[in-house]
């Protein structure tokens, strides 16, 4: 109840059975375009007979890469050099578009250090895809921007997405 108005709010997360696994052991995509550790989260609001839904997905960066555990705290990501990334990448987004419609991509990985090549490759692939159903790519260095529990800095990201959020 907010301001005396009662409504139902449902939050449902569905984890894909494709490419499920523990962090660092399962990364990237497979040849069918299934992203590792893919999760669909849906928010549903029901108020006086009306319903509204918002779906957000998340998963591993959708190209071929790995991050094999070793004795270091955070192993360095390795982008595969021996495969055509675009085939699986395109399959991933074709599936996303069929299921959810127009896409807005938000990349939260570090834009410096060992994750920088992941961000650069992802950005380059989105730009070369040239699909009108992928409306936007936004890179937001979450760890840098929100370090030391500065969660208010998420407003920077929200402001970048605000124009297209209504779509």
C-alpha atoms as a PDB file:
ATOM      1  CA  UNK A   1       0.000   0.000   0.000  1.00  0.00           C
ATOM      2  CA  UNK A   2       1.354   3.440  -0.969  1.00  0.00           C
ATOM      3  CA  UNK A   3      -0.590   6.584  -0.090  1.00  0.00           C
ATOM      4  CA  UNK A   4      -3.562   4.408   0.804  1.00  0.00           C
ATOM      5  CA  UNK A   5      -3.624   2.710  -2.605  1.00  0.00           C
ATOM      6  CA  UNK A   6      -3.276  -1.065  -2.476  1.00  0.00           C
ATOM      7  CA  UNK A   7      -1.668  -2.970  -5.335  1.00  0.00           C
ATOM      8  CA  UNK A   8       0.095  -6.248  -5.958  1.00  0.00           C
ATOM      9  CA  UNK A   9       3.769  -6.208  -6.880  1.00  0.00           C
ATOM     10  CA  UNK A  10       5.333  -9.419  -8.115  1.00  0.00           C
ATOM     11  CA  UNK A  11       9.016  -9.951  -8.722  1.00  0.00           C
ATOM     12  CA  UNK A  12       9.937 -13.123 -10.615  1.00  0.00           C
ATOM     13  CA  UNK A  13      13.409 -14.225 -11.709  1.00  0.00           C
ATOM     14  CA  UNK A  14      13.839 -17.081 -14.140  1.00  0.00           C
ATOM     15  CA  UNK A  15      17.284 -18.567 -14.678  1.00  0.00           C
ATOM     16  CA  UNK A  16      18.057 -20.214 -18.005  1.00  0.00           C
ATOM     17  CA  UNK A  17      19.017 -23.878 -18.004  1.00  0.00           C
ATOM     18  CA  UNK A  18      21.486 -23.204 -20.857  1.00  0.00           C
ATOM     19  CA  UNK A  19      25.100 -22.470 -19.814  1.00  0.00           C
ATOM     20  CA  UNK A  20      24.405 -22.391 -16.096  1.00  0.00           C
ATOM     21  CA  UNK A  21      27.446 -22.654 -13.870  1.00  0.00           C
ATOM     22  CA  UNK A  22      29.537 -21.048 -11.196  1.00  0.00           C
ATOM     23  CA  UNK A  23      31.296 -17.737 -11.686  1.00  0.00           C
ATOM     24  CA  UNK A  24      34.608 -17.871 -13.583  1.00  0.00           C
ATOM     25  CA  UNK A  25      33.979 -21.421 -14.819  1.00  0.00           C
ATOM     26  CA  UNK A  26      31.186 -20.538 -17.253  1.00  0.00           C
ATOM     27  CA  UNK A  27      31.501 -17.286 -19.232  1.00  0.00           C
ATOM     28  CA  UNK A  28      30.497 -15.935 -22.635  1.00  0.00           C
ATOM     29  CA  UNK A  29      28.181 -17.749 -25.050  1.00  0.00           C
ATOM     30  CA  UNK A  30      27.883 -21.089 -26.799  1.00  0.00           C
ATOM     31  CA  UNK A  31      27.489 -21.590 -30.557  1.00  0.00           C
ATOM     32  CA  UNK A  32      23.691 -21.249 -30.246  1.00  0.00           C
ATOM     33  CA  UNK A  33      24.054 -17.793 -28.671  1.00  0.00           C
ATOM     34  CA  UNK A  34      23.058 -18.822 -25.136  1.00  0.00           C
ATOM     35  CA  UNK A  35      24.757 -16.501 -22.647  1.00  0.00           C
ATOM     36  CA  UNK A  36      26.236 -17.974 -19.481  1.00  0.00           C
ATOM     37  CA  UNK A  37      24.222 -17.484 -16.307  1.00  0.00           C
ATOM     38  CA  UNK A  38      21.368 -15.772 -18.123  1.00  0.00           C
ATOM     39  CA  UNK A  39      18.543 -14.508 -15.890  1.00  0.00           C
ATOM     40  CA  UNK A  40      15.241 -12.896 -16.825  1.00  0.00           C
ATOM     41  CA  UNK A  41      13.693 -10.749 -14.077  1.00  0.00           C
ATOM     42  CA  UNK A  42      10.126  -9.548 -14.448  1.00  0.00           C
ATOM     43  CA  UNK A  43       8.311  -6.992 -12.330  1.00  0.00           C
ATOM     44  CA  UNK A  44       4.522  -7.079 -12.491  1.00  0.00           C
ATOM     45  CA  UNK A  45       2.252  -4.476 -10.944  1.00  0.00           C
ATOM     46  CA  UNK A  46      -1.472  -5.194 -10.612  1.00  0.00           C
ATOM     47  CA  UNK A  47      -3.738  -2.301  -9.605  1.00  0.00           C
ATOM     48  CA  UNK A  48      -7.536  -2.164  -9.856  1.00  0.00           C
ATOM     49  CA  UNK A  49      -7.715  -4.704 -12.681  1.00  0.00           C
ATOM     50  CA  UNK A  50      -4.836  -3.179 -14.690  1.00  0.00           C
ATOM     51  CA  UNK A  51      -1.471  -4.864 -15.084  1.00  0.00           C
ATOM     52  CA  UNK A  52       1.933  -3.586 -16.122  1.00  0.00           C
ATOM     53  CA  UNK A  53       5.101  -5.609 -16.667  1.00  0.00           C
ATOM     54  CA  UNK A  54       8.769  -4.768 -17.082  1.00  0.00           C
ATOM     55  CA  UNK A  55      11.336  -7.418 -18.051  1.00  0.00           C
ATOM     56  CA  UNK A  56      15.079  -7.067 -17.601  1.00  0.00           C
ATOM     57  CA  UNK A  57      17.624  -9.684 -18.644  1.00  0.00           C
ATOM     58  CA  UNK A  58      21.219 -10.165 -17.647  1.00  0.00           C
ATOM     59  CA  UNK A  59      23.899 -12.596 -18.615  1.00  0.00           C
ATOM     60  CA  UNK A  60      27.508 -12.999 -19.506  1.00  0.00           C
ATOM     61  CA  UNK A  61      28.889 -10.773 -22.265  1.00  0.00           C
ATOM     62  CA  UNK A  62      27.627 -12.531 -25.433  1.00  0.00           C
ATOM     63  CA  UNK A  63      30.754 -13.534 -27.315  1.00  0.00           C
ATOM     64  CA  UNK A  64      33.310 -16.311 -26.856  1.00  0.00           C
ATOM     65  CA  UNK A  65      35.520 -15.693 -23.821  1.00  0.00           C
ATOM     66  CA  UNK A  66      36.623 -17.436 -20.654  1.00  0.00           C
ATOM     67  CA  UNK A  67      38.048 -16.624 -17.257  1.00  0.00           C
ATOM     68  CA  UNK A  68      39.732 -19.693 -15.832  1.00  0.00           C
ATOM     69  CA  UNK A  69      40.237 -19.732 -12.061  1.00  0.00           C
ATOM     70  CA  UNK A  70      43.804 -19.688 -10.782  1.00  0.00           C
ATOM     71  CA  UNK A  71      45.513 -18.592  -7.588  1.00  0.00           C
ATOM     72  CA  UNK A  72      44.845 -14.912  -8.306  1.00  0.00           C
ATOM     73  CA  UNK A  73      41.861 -13.192  -6.706  1.00  0.00           C
ATOM     74  CA  UNK A  74      40.473 -12.215 -10.097  1.00  0.00           C
ATOM     75  CA  UNK A  75      41.707 -14.201 -13.106  1.00  0.00           C
ATOM     76  CA  UNK A  76      42.276 -12.317 -16.366  1.00  0.00           C
ATOM     77  CA  UNK A  77      39.540 -12.740 -19.009  1.00  0.00           C
ATOM     78  CA  UNK A  78      40.635 -14.399 -22.257  1.00  0.00           C
ATOM     79  CA  UNK A  79      38.816 -13.573 -25.504  1.00  0.00           C
ATOM     80  CA  UNK A  80      38.874 -16.494 -27.920  1.00  0.00           C
ATOM     81  CA  UNK A  81      40.827 -15.732 -31.088  1.00  0.00           C
ATOM     82  CA  UNK A  82      39.952 -18.879 -33.035  1.00  0.00           C
ATOM     83  CA  UNK A  83      36.189 -18.451 -33.567  1.00  0.00           C
ATOM     84  CA  UNK A  84      33.769 -16.192 -35.411  1.00  0.00           C
ATOM     85  CA  UNK A  85      32.199 -14.236 -32.556  1.00  0.00           C
ATOM     86  CA  UNK A  86      29.570 -12.580 -34.739  1.00  0.00           C
ATOM     87  CA  UNK A  87      27.596 -15.779 -35.468  1.00  0.00           C
ATOM     88  CA  UNK A  88      26.849 -16.575 -31.808  1.00  0.00           C
ATOM     89  CA  UNK A  89      26.536 -12.875 -30.955  1.00  0.00           C
ATOM     90  CA  UNK A  90      23.916 -12.387 -33.679  1.00  0.00           C
ATOM     91  CA  UNK A  91      22.039 -15.538 -32.569  1.00  0.00           C
ATOM     92  CA  UNK A  92      21.968 -14.206 -29.011  1.00  0.00           C
ATOM     93  CA  UNK A  93      20.417 -10.890 -29.997  1.00  0.00           C
ATOM     94  CA  UNK A  94      18.056 -12.432 -32.558  1.00  0.00           C
ATOM     95  CA  UNK A  95      16.684 -14.572 -29.724  1.00  0.00           C
ATOM     96  CA  UNK A  96      16.463 -11.565 -27.398  1.00  0.00           C
ATOM     97  CA  UNK A  97      14.573  -9.537 -30.003  1.00  0.00           C
ATOM     98  CA  UNK A  98      12.132 -12.373 -30.749  1.00  0.00           C
ATOM     99  CA  UNK A  99      11.423 -12.838 -27.021  1.00  0.00           C
ATOM    100  CA  UNK A 100      11.457  -9.244 -25.780  1.00  0.00           C
ATOM    101  CA  UNK A 101      11.427  -6.798 -28.699  1.00  0.00           C
ATOM    102  CA  UNK A 102      13.667  -3.758 -28.939  1.00  0.00           C
ATOM    103  CA  UNK A 103      16.865  -3.970 -26.888  1.00  0.00           C
ATOM    104  CA  UNK A 104      18.828  -1.441 -24.871  1.00  0.00           C
ATOM    105  CA  UNK A 105      22.206  -2.835 -23.778  1.00  0.00           C
ATOM    106  CA  UNK A 106      23.830  -1.738 -20.525  1.00  0.00           C
ATOM    107  CA  UNK A 107      27.371  -2.990 -19.914  1.00  0.00           C
ATOM    108  CA  UNK A 108      28.510  -2.724 -16.276  1.00  0.00           C
ATOM    109  CA  UNK A 109      32.061  -4.147 -16.530  1.00  0.00           C
ATOM    110  CA  UNK A 110      35.167  -2.194 -15.622  1.00  0.00           C
ATOM    111  CA  UNK A 111      36.405   0.027 -18.437  1.00  0.00           C
ATOM    112  CA  UNK A 112      40.000  -0.211 -17.240  1.00  0.00           C
ATOM    113  CA  UNK A 113      42.302  -3.033 -16.281  1.00  0.00           C
ATOM    114  CA  UNK A 114      41.732  -6.644 -17.289  1.00  0.00           C
ATOM    115  CA  UNK A 115      38.050  -6.120 -18.220  1.00  0.00           C
ATOM    116  CA  UNK A 116      38.765  -3.273 -20.662  1.00  0.00           C
ATOM    117  CA  UNK A 117      39.159  -5.631 -23.675  1.00  0.00           C
ATOM    118  CA  UNK A 118      35.738  -7.146 -22.885  1.00  0.00           C
ATOM    119  CA  UNK A 119      34.080  -3.724 -22.965  1.00  0.00           C
ATOM    120  CA  UNK A 120      35.907  -2.700 -26.137  1.00  0.00           C
ATOM    121  CA  UNK A 121      35.034  -5.924 -27.966  1.00  0.00           C
ATOM    122  CA  UNK A 122      31.392  -5.760 -26.858  1.00  0.00           C
ATOM    123  CA  UNK A 123      31.055  -2.144 -28.003  1.00  0.00           C
ATOM    124  CA  UNK A 124      32.687  -2.903 -31.359  1.00  0.00           C
ATOM    125  CA  UNK A 125      30.434  -5.905 -31.962  1.00  0.00           C
ATOM    126  CA  UNK A 126      27.229  -4.004 -31.119  1.00  0.00           C
ATOM    127  CA  UNK A 127      28.242  -1.211 -33.500  1.00  0.00           C
ATOM    128  CA  UNK A 128      29.079  -3.635 -36.320  1.00  0.00           C
ATOM    129  CA  UNK A 129      25.803  -5.532 -35.855  1.00  0.00           C
ATOM    130  CA  UNK A 130      23.792  -2.557 -37.186  1.00  0.00           C
ATOM    131  CA  UNK A 131      20.414  -3.885 -36.040  1.00  0.00           C
ATOM    132  CA  UNK A 132      17.668  -1.270 -35.670  1.00  0.00           C
ATOM    133  CA  UNK A 133      16.104  -3.347 -32.894  1.00  0.00           C
ATOM    134  CA  UNK A 134      19.166  -2.714 -30.711  1.00  0.00           C
ATOM    135  CA  UNK A 135      18.515   0.911 -29.896  1.00  0.00           C
ATOM    136  CA  UNK A 136      21.366   1.752 -27.587  1.00  0.00           C
ATOM    137  CA  UNK A 137      24.613   0.553 -26.023  1.00  0.00           C
ATOM    138  CA  UNK A 138      25.692   2.197 -22.768  1.00  0.00           C
ATOM    139  CA  UNK A 139      28.922   1.314 -20.978  1.00  0.00           C
ATOM    140  CA  UNK A 140      28.851   2.232 -17.287  1.00  0.00           C
ATOM    141  CA  UNK A 141      31.864   1.369 -15.131  1.00  0.00           C
ATOM    142  CA  UNK A 142      29.824   0.256 -12.124  1.00  0.00           C
ATOM    143  CA  UNK A 143      32.751  -0.442  -9.787  1.00  0.00           C
ATOM    144  CA  UNK A 144      34.428   2.892 -10.471  1.00  0.00           C
ATOM    145  CA  UNK A 145      31.266   4.981 -10.306  1.00  0.00           C
ATOM    146  CA  UNK A 146      29.727   3.327  -7.240  1.00  0.00           C
ATOM    147  CA  UNK A 147      32.861   2.496  -5.239  1.00  0.00           C
ATOM    148  CA  UNK A 148      32.723   3.065  -1.493  1.00  0.00           C
ATOM    149  CA  UNK A 149      28.950   2.494  -1.480  1.00  0.00           C
ATOM    150  CA  UNK A 150      28.151   5.647  -3.477  1.00  0.00           C
ATOM    151  CA  UNK A 151      24.893   4.185  -4.758  1.00  0.00           C
ATOM    152  CA  UNK A 152      23.575   7.662  -5.525  1.00  0.00           C
ATOM    153  CA  UNK A 153      25.933   7.606  -8.543  1.00  0.00           C
ATOM    154  CA  UNK A 154      23.566   5.134 -10.221  1.00  0.00           C
ATOM    155  CA  UNK A 155      21.578   8.259 -11.085  1.00  0.00           C
ATOM    156  CA  UNK A 156      24.244   8.965 -13.740  1.00  0.00           C
ATOM    157  CA  UNK A 157      23.281   5.714 -15.455  1.00  0.00           C
ATOM    158  CA  UNK A 158      19.560   6.324 -14.999  1.00  0.00           C
ATOM    159  CA  UNK A 159      19.908   9.760 -16.602  1.00  0.00           C
ATOM    160  CA  UNK A 160      21.681   8.207 -19.622  1.00  0.00           C
ATOM    161  CA  UNK A 161      18.830   5.717 -20.079  1.00  0.00           C
ATOM    162  CA  UNK A 162      15.883   8.001 -19.278  1.00  0.00           C
ATOM    163  CA  UNK A 163      15.140   9.119 -22.843  1.00  0.00           C
ATOM    164  CA  UNK A 164      14.574   5.562 -24.076  1.00  0.00           C
ATOM    165  CA  UNK A 165      13.260   3.965 -20.916  1.00  0.00           C
ATOM    166  CA  UNK A 166       9.617   4.639 -21.796  1.00  0.00           C
ATOM    167  CA  UNK A 167      10.002   2.606 -24.997  1.00  0.00           C
END
